[in-house]
Amino acid sequence: MNRLIKSMVIGIVCLPYLFAVAATKTDEVVIEVMDPRGEIPPPPFNAPAERISNLDGKTVGIYWIGKAGGDNFWDNVEALLNERYPNTKTKRYQGIFDLGDARAAEIAKEVDTVFYGVGD
């Protein structure tokens, strides 16, 4: 117990001195963290396409990558879509994750909008 009291007294006596020394120290240290990859330019910005306000009478493309079980999901989406919008036609597409600009342009000529499903 004496040791604890002695330590507290020394701390209380020395504390103002430590603050005084710290307050008079004017050296400033600046640490700059560098990214080892260098400066990476941001990717180009592509504004999203305008939304279709109503699907009635439109042709809707359904694109998916062929993940197992996806056909069950898209079958149900198509059924719900046809139930809610009886005049809407659907067109199915299947392919790889990145369909590319050429394939996207080809699909865009055939449909008004696309539902795009890629996996898990």
N, C-alpha and C. Protein backbone atom coordinates (compact mmCIF):
# COMPACT_ATOMS: atom_id res chain seq x y z
N MET A 1 0.83 -1.20 0.00
CA MET A 1 0.00 0.00 0.00
C MET A 1 0.87 1.25 0.00
N ASN A 2 1.96 1.22 0.79
CA ASN A 2 2.88 2.36 0.83
C ASN A 2 3.47 2.63 -0.54
N ARG A 3 3.81 1.56 -1.26
CA ARG A 3 4.41 1.69 -2.59
C ARG A 3 3.42 2.37 -3.55
N LEU A 4 2.14 2.01 -3.46
CA LEU A 4 1.11 2.60 -4.32
C LEU A 4 0.95 4.09 -4.03
N ILE A 5 0.91 4.45 -2.76
CA ILE A 5 0.77 5.86 -2.38
C ILE A 5 1.99 6.65 -2.82
N LYS A 6 3.17 6.06 -2.64
CA LYS A 6 4.42 6.72 -3.05
C LYS A 6 4.42 6.97 -4.57
N SER A 7 3.97 5.99 -5.35
CA SER A 7 3.92 6.13 -6.81
C SER A 7 2.94 7.21 -7.23
N MET A 8 1.79 7.27 -6.53
CA MET A 8 0.80 8.29 -6.86
C MET A 8 1.31 9.69 -6.55
N VAL A 9 1.99 9.85 -5.44
CA VAL A 9 2.54 11.16 -5.07
C VAL A 9 3.59 11.60 -6.09
N ILE A 10 4.47 10.69 -6.47
CA ILE A 10 5.50 11.02 -7.46
C ILE A 10 4.84 11.41 -8.78
N GLY A 11 3.79 10.66 -9.19
CA GLY A 11 3.08 10.97 -10.43
C GLY A 11 2.42 12.33 -10.37
N ILE A 12 1.79 12.67 -9.25
CA ILE A 12 1.11 13.95 -9.10
C ILE A 12 2.12 15.10 -9.12
N VAL A 13 3.28 14.89 -8.50
CA VAL A 13 4.31 15.93 -8.44
C VAL A 13 4.96 16.12 -9.82
N CYS A 14 5.19 15.03 -10.55
CA CYS A 14 5.90 15.09 -11.83
C CYS A 14 4.99 15.46 -13.00
N LEU A 15 3.71 15.23 -12.88
CA LEU A 15 2.79 15.47 -13.98
C LEU A 15 2.82 16.90 -14.51
N PRO A 16 2.76 17.94 -13.68
CA PRO A 16 2.83 19.31 -14.20
C PRO A 16 4.14 19.58 -14.95
N TYR A 17 5.21 19.01 -14.48
CA TYR A 17 6.51 19.19 -15.14
C TYR A 17 6.48 18.59 -16.54
N LEU A 18 5.88 17.40 -16.66
CA LEU A 18 5.81 16.74 -17.96
C LEU A 18 4.96 17.55 -18.94
N PHE A 19 3.85 18.12 -18.45
CA PHE A 19 3.00 18.94 -19.31
C PHE A 19 3.74 20.20 -19.75
N ALA A 20 4.52 20.80 -18.85
CA ALA A 20 5.27 22.01 -19.18
C ALA A 20 6.31 21.71 -20.25
N VAL A 21 7.00 20.61 -20.13
CA VAL A 21 8.00 20.22 -21.13
C VAL A 21 7.33 19.94 -22.47
N ALA A 22 6.22 19.25 -22.44
CA ALA A 22 5.50 18.92 -23.68
C ALA A 22 4.97 20.18 -24.35
N ALA A 23 4.53 21.16 -23.58
CA ALA A 23 3.96 22.38 -24.13
C ALA A 23 5.02 23.25 -24.80
N THR A 24 6.26 23.21 -24.34
CA THR A 24 7.31 24.03 -24.93
C THR A 24 7.95 23.35 -26.14
N LYS A 25 7.67 22.10 -26.37
CA LYS A 25 8.25 21.37 -27.50
C LYS A 25 7.49 21.79 -28.76
N THR A 26 8.20 22.34 -29.74
CA THR A 26 7.54 22.85 -30.94
C THR A 26 7.85 22.03 -32.19
N ASP A 27 8.64 20.98 -32.06
CA ASP A 27 8.93 20.14 -33.23
C ASP A 27 7.67 19.43 -33.66
N GLU A 28 7.35 19.54 -34.93
CA GLU A 28 6.15 18.90 -35.47
C GLU A 28 6.58 17.74 -36.35
N VAL A 29 5.94 16.61 -36.16
CA VAL A 29 6.24 15.44 -36.96
C VAL A 29 5.07 15.19 -37.89
N VAL A 30 5.37 15.06 -39.17
CA VAL A 30 4.34 14.78 -40.17
C VAL A 30 4.68 13.45 -40.82
N ILE A 31 3.71 12.56 -40.80
CA ILE A 31 3.90 11.26 -41.42
C ILE A 31 3.01 11.20 -42.65
N GLU A 32 3.61 10.92 -43.80
CA GLU A 32 2.85 10.80 -45.04
C GLU A 32 2.82 9.33 -45.43
N VAL A 33 1.64 8.80 -45.56
CA VAL A 33 1.48 7.40 -45.94
C VAL A 33 1.31 7.33 -47.44
N MET A 34 2.15 6.57 -48.07
CA MET A 34 2.13 6.46 -49.53
C MET A 34 1.47 5.14 -49.93
N ASP A 35 0.74 5.16 -51.03
CA ASP A 35 0.13 3.96 -51.58
C ASP A 35 1.17 3.29 -52.47
N PRO A 36 1.54 2.04 -52.19
CA PRO A 36 2.58 1.39 -52.99
C PRO A 36 2.17 1.17 -54.45
N ARG A 37 0.88 1.29 -54.74
CA ARG A 37 0.42 1.11 -56.12
C ARG A 37 0.56 2.38 -56.94
N GLY A 38 0.92 3.50 -56.28
CA GLY A 38 1.00 4.76 -57.00
C GLY A 38 -0.37 5.40 -57.11
N GLU A 39 -0.49 6.38 -57.99
CA GLU A 39 -1.77 7.04 -58.19
C GLU A 39 -2.58 6.28 -59.22
N ILE A 40 -3.79 5.93 -58.84
CA ILE A 40 -4.65 5.15 -59.72
C ILE A 40 -5.78 6.06 -60.20
N PRO A 41 -5.89 6.26 -61.51
CA PRO A 41 -6.98 7.12 -61.99
C PRO A 41 -8.33 6.46 -61.75
N PRO A 42 -9.35 7.25 -61.45
CA PRO A 42 -10.67 6.65 -61.23
C PRO A 42 -11.21 6.07 -62.54
N PRO A 43 -12.07 5.07 -62.43
CA PRO A 43 -12.66 4.50 -63.65
C PRO A 43 -13.58 5.52 -64.30
N PRO A 44 -13.80 5.38 -65.60
CA PRO A 44 -14.69 6.33 -66.27
C PRO A 44 -16.12 6.22 -65.73
N PHE A 45 -16.78 7.34 -65.68
CA PHE A 45 -18.15 7.38 -65.15
C PHE A 45 -19.13 7.22 -66.29
N ASN A 46 -20.02 6.27 -66.15
CA ASN A 46 -21.10 6.08 -67.10
C ASN A 46 -22.41 6.33 -66.38
N ALA A 47 -23.13 7.32 -66.82
CA ALA A 47 -24.41 7.63 -66.18
C ALA A 47 -25.38 6.48 -66.42
N PRO A 48 -26.19 6.14 -65.44
CA PRO A 48 -27.17 5.06 -65.63
C PRO A 48 -28.20 5.45 -66.69
N ALA A 49 -28.71 4.45 -67.35
CA ALA A 49 -29.74 4.69 -68.36
C ALA A 49 -31.03 5.15 -67.67
N GLU A 50 -31.84 5.87 -68.40
CA GLU A 50 -33.12 6.32 -67.84
C GLU A 50 -34.01 5.11 -67.59
N ARG A 51 -34.76 5.17 -66.50
CA ARG A 51 -35.68 4.09 -66.17
C ARG A 51 -36.93 4.17 -67.03
N ILE A 52 -37.49 3.01 -67.30
CA ILE A 52 -38.76 2.95 -68.01
C ILE A 52 -39.85 3.12 -66.96
N SER A 53 -40.77 4.03 -67.21
CA SER A 53 -41.80 4.31 -66.21
C SER A 53 -42.87 3.23 -66.13
N ASN A 54 -43.08 2.50 -67.24
CA ASN A 54 -44.12 1.49 -67.27
C ASN A 54 -43.68 0.37 -68.19
N LEU A 55 -43.83 -0.86 -67.77
CA LEU A 55 -43.42 -2.01 -68.58
C LEU A 55 -44.52 -2.51 -69.51
N ASP A 56 -45.71 -1.95 -69.40
CA ASP A 56 -46.84 -2.40 -70.20
C ASP A 56 -46.55 -2.20 -71.70
N GLY A 57 -46.64 -3.29 -72.46
CA GLY A 57 -46.42 -3.22 -73.90
C GLY A 57 -44.96 -3.21 -74.32
N LYS A 58 -44.06 -3.32 -73.38
CA LYS A 58 -42.62 -3.29 -73.68
C LYS A 58 -42.09 -4.70 -73.88
N THR A 59 -40.90 -4.77 -74.45
CA THR A 59 -40.18 -6.03 -74.57
C THR A 59 -39.06 -6.00 -73.54
N VAL A 60 -39.06 -6.99 -72.65
CA VAL A 60 -38.09 -7.04 -71.56
C VAL A 60 -37.12 -8.20 -71.82
N GLY A 61 -35.84 -7.88 -71.84
CA GLY A 61 -34.83 -8.91 -71.98
C GLY A 61 -34.46 -9.46 -70.62
N ILE A 62 -34.25 -10.76 -70.54
CA ILE A 62 -33.79 -11.39 -69.30
C ILE A 62 -32.46 -12.06 -69.63
N TYR A 63 -31.38 -11.50 -69.05
CA TYR A 63 -30.03 -12.01 -69.30
C TYR A 63 -29.50 -12.61 -68.01
N TRP A 64 -29.03 -13.85 -68.10
CA TRP A 64 -28.40 -14.47 -66.93
C TRP A 64 -27.23 -15.31 -67.39
N ILE A 65 -26.35 -15.64 -66.46
CA ILE A 65 -25.10 -16.31 -66.82
C ILE A 65 -25.18 -17.82 -66.79
N GLY A 66 -26.36 -18.36 -66.54
CA GLY A 66 -26.52 -19.81 -66.56
C GLY A 66 -26.19 -20.50 -65.25
N LYS A 67 -26.13 -19.74 -64.17
CA LYS A 67 -25.87 -20.32 -62.86
C LYS A 67 -26.99 -21.31 -62.51
N ALA A 68 -26.60 -22.43 -61.93
CA ALA A 68 -27.58 -23.47 -61.59
C ALA A 68 -28.70 -22.91 -60.71
N GLY A 69 -29.92 -23.23 -61.07
CA GLY A 69 -31.08 -22.76 -60.32
C GLY A 69 -31.61 -21.42 -60.78
N GLY A 70 -30.83 -20.70 -61.56
CA GLY A 70 -31.26 -19.39 -62.04
C GLY A 70 -32.46 -19.47 -62.95
N ASP A 71 -32.57 -20.58 -63.67
CA ASP A 71 -33.72 -20.73 -64.56
C ASP A 71 -35.03 -20.75 -63.77
N ASN A 72 -35.01 -21.37 -62.59
CA ASN A 72 -36.21 -21.37 -61.73
C ASN A 72 -36.58 -19.94 -61.32
N PHE A 73 -35.58 -19.18 -60.93
CA PHE A 73 -35.81 -17.80 -60.51
C PHE A 73 -36.37 -16.98 -61.66
N TRP A 74 -35.71 -17.04 -62.82
CA TRP A 74 -36.14 -16.23 -63.96
C TRP A 74 -37.49 -16.69 -64.52
N ASP A 75 -37.78 -17.98 -64.43
CA ASP A 75 -39.11 -18.45 -64.84
C ASP A 75 -40.19 -17.79 -63.99
N ASN A 76 -39.94 -17.69 -62.70
CA ASN A 76 -40.91 -17.05 -61.80
C ASN A 76 -40.99 -15.54 -62.02
N VAL A 77 -39.86 -14.91 -62.26
CA VAL A 77 -39.87 -13.47 -62.57
C VAL A 77 -40.69 -13.23 -63.83
N GLU A 78 -40.45 -14.05 -64.84
CA GLU A 78 -41.19 -13.91 -66.10
C GLU A 78 -42.69 -14.13 -65.89
N ALA A 79 -43.05 -15.12 -65.09
CA ALA A 79 -44.48 -15.39 -64.82
C ALA A 79 -45.12 -14.21 -64.10
N LEU A 80 -44.44 -13.65 -63.10
CA LEU A 80 -44.98 -12.49 -62.38
C LEU A 80 -45.09 -11.28 -63.30
N LEU A 81 -44.11 -11.10 -64.15
CA LEU A 81 -44.13 -9.99 -65.10
C LEU A 81 -45.31 -10.13 -66.07
N ASN A 82 -45.52 -11.33 -66.59
CA ASN A 82 -46.64 -11.57 -67.51
C ASN A 82 -47.99 -11.45 -66.82
N GLU A 83 -48.04 -11.80 -65.55
CA GLU A 83 -49.29 -11.67 -64.78
C GLU A 83 -49.64 -10.20 -64.57
N ARG A 84 -48.64 -9.41 -64.24
CA ARG A 84 -48.89 -7.99 -63.94
C ARG A 84 -49.03 -7.16 -65.22
N TYR A 85 -48.26 -7.49 -66.24
CA TYR A 85 -48.29 -6.76 -67.51
C TYR A 85 -48.54 -7.77 -68.64
N PRO A 86 -49.79 -8.11 -68.92
CA PRO A 86 -50.09 -9.14 -69.92
C PRO A 86 -49.60 -8.80 -71.34
N ASN A 87 -49.48 -7.51 -71.69
CA ASN A 87 -49.02 -7.12 -73.03
C ASN A 87 -47.49 -7.11 -73.15
N THR A 88 -46.79 -7.38 -72.09
CA THR A 88 -45.33 -7.33 -72.11
C THR A 88 -44.77 -8.64 -72.66
N LYS A 89 -43.79 -8.51 -73.54
CA LYS A 89 -43.10 -9.67 -74.08
C LYS A 89 -41.75 -9.81 -73.39
N THR A 90 -41.26 -11.02 -73.27
CA THR A 90 -39.94 -11.24 -72.70
C THR A 90 -39.08 -11.98 -73.72
N LYS A 91 -37.81 -11.71 -73.65
CA LYS A 91 -36.85 -12.37 -74.53
C LYS A 91 -35.68 -12.80 -73.65
N ARG A 92 -35.31 -14.09 -73.71
CA ARG A 92 -34.26 -14.64 -72.85
C ARG A 92 -32.91 -14.61 -73.55
N TYR A 93 -31.88 -14.30 -72.75
CA TYR A 93 -30.50 -14.34 -73.21
C TYR A 93 -29.67 -15.04 -72.15
N GLN A 94 -28.66 -15.75 -72.59
CA GLN A 94 -27.77 -16.41 -71.65
C GLN A 94 -26.34 -16.28 -72.18
N GLY A 95 -25.41 -16.06 -71.29
CA GLY A 95 -24.02 -15.93 -71.71
C GLY A 95 -23.11 -15.70 -70.52
N ILE A 96 -21.92 -15.19 -70.81
CA ILE A 96 -20.91 -14.97 -69.78
C ILE A 96 -21.22 -13.70 -68.99
N PHE A 97 -20.51 -13.54 -67.85
CA PHE A 97 -20.72 -12.41 -66.95
C PHE A 97 -20.59 -11.08 -67.69
N ASP A 98 -19.48 -10.87 -68.37
CA ASP A 98 -19.26 -9.63 -69.11
C ASP A 98 -19.71 -9.83 -70.54
N LEU A 99 -20.89 -9.34 -70.85
CA LEU A 99 -21.41 -9.58 -72.19
C LEU A 99 -20.74 -8.73 -73.25
N GLY A 100 -20.01 -7.70 -72.88
CA GLY A 100 -19.27 -6.87 -73.84
C GLY A 100 -20.15 -5.86 -74.55
N ASP A 101 -19.50 -4.88 -75.15
CA ASP A 101 -20.22 -3.79 -75.80
C ASP A 101 -21.01 -4.26 -77.02
N ALA A 102 -20.42 -5.14 -77.81
CA ALA A 102 -21.09 -5.59 -79.04
C ALA A 102 -22.37 -6.36 -78.70
N ARG A 103 -22.28 -7.28 -77.76
CA ARG A 103 -23.47 -8.08 -77.37
C ARG A 103 -24.51 -7.18 -76.71
N ALA A 104 -24.08 -6.24 -75.88
CA ALA A 104 -25.01 -5.32 -75.22
C ALA A 104 -25.74 -4.47 -76.25
N ALA A 105 -25.04 -4.01 -77.27
CA ALA A 105 -25.68 -3.21 -78.33
C ALA A 105 -26.68 -4.05 -79.12
N GLU A 106 -26.32 -5.31 -79.36
CA GLU A 106 -27.22 -6.23 -80.08
C GLU A 106 -28.52 -6.45 -79.29
N ILE A 107 -28.38 -6.67 -77.98
CA ILE A 107 -29.56 -6.88 -77.12
C ILE A 107 -30.39 -5.61 -77.04
N ALA A 108 -29.72 -4.45 -76.93
CA ALA A 108 -30.42 -3.17 -76.80
C ALA A 108 -31.30 -2.88 -78.01
N LYS A 109 -30.94 -3.39 -79.19
CA LYS A 109 -31.76 -3.19 -80.39
C LYS A 109 -33.05 -4.01 -80.34
N GLU A 110 -33.02 -5.10 -79.57
CA GLU A 110 -34.16 -6.04 -79.56
C GLU A 110 -35.15 -5.81 -78.42
N VAL A 111 -34.74 -5.12 -77.35
CA VAL A 111 -35.60 -4.98 -76.17
C VAL A 111 -35.64 -3.52 -75.71
N ASP A 112 -36.63 -3.24 -74.83
CA ASP A 112 -36.75 -1.90 -74.26
C ASP A 112 -35.97 -1.75 -72.97
N THR A 113 -35.85 -2.84 -72.22
CA THR A 113 -35.08 -2.85 -70.97
C THR A 113 -34.61 -4.27 -70.71
N VAL A 114 -33.68 -4.41 -69.76
CA VAL A 114 -33.09 -5.74 -69.49
C VAL A 114 -33.04 -6.00 -67.99
N PHE A 115 -33.40 -7.22 -67.61
CA PHE A 115 -33.14 -7.72 -66.26
C PHE A 115 -31.87 -8.54 -66.40
N TYR A 116 -30.87 -8.20 -65.59
CA TYR A 116 -29.54 -8.81 -65.71
C TYR A 116 -29.23 -9.55 -64.44
N GLY A 117 -29.07 -10.87 -64.51
CA GLY A 117 -28.78 -11.68 -63.33
C GLY A 117 -27.46 -12.41 -63.51
N VAL A 118 -26.57 -12.27 -62.54
CA VAL A 118 -25.23 -12.81 -62.72
C VAL A 118 -24.82 -13.91 -61.77
N GLY A 119 -25.57 -14.23 -60.75
CA GLY A 119 -25.12 -15.34 -59.91
C GLY A 119 -25.69 -15.33 -58.52
N ASP A 120 -24.84 -15.72 -57.58
CA ASP A 120 -25.23 -15.98 -56.20
C ASP A 120 -25.95 -14.80 -55.66
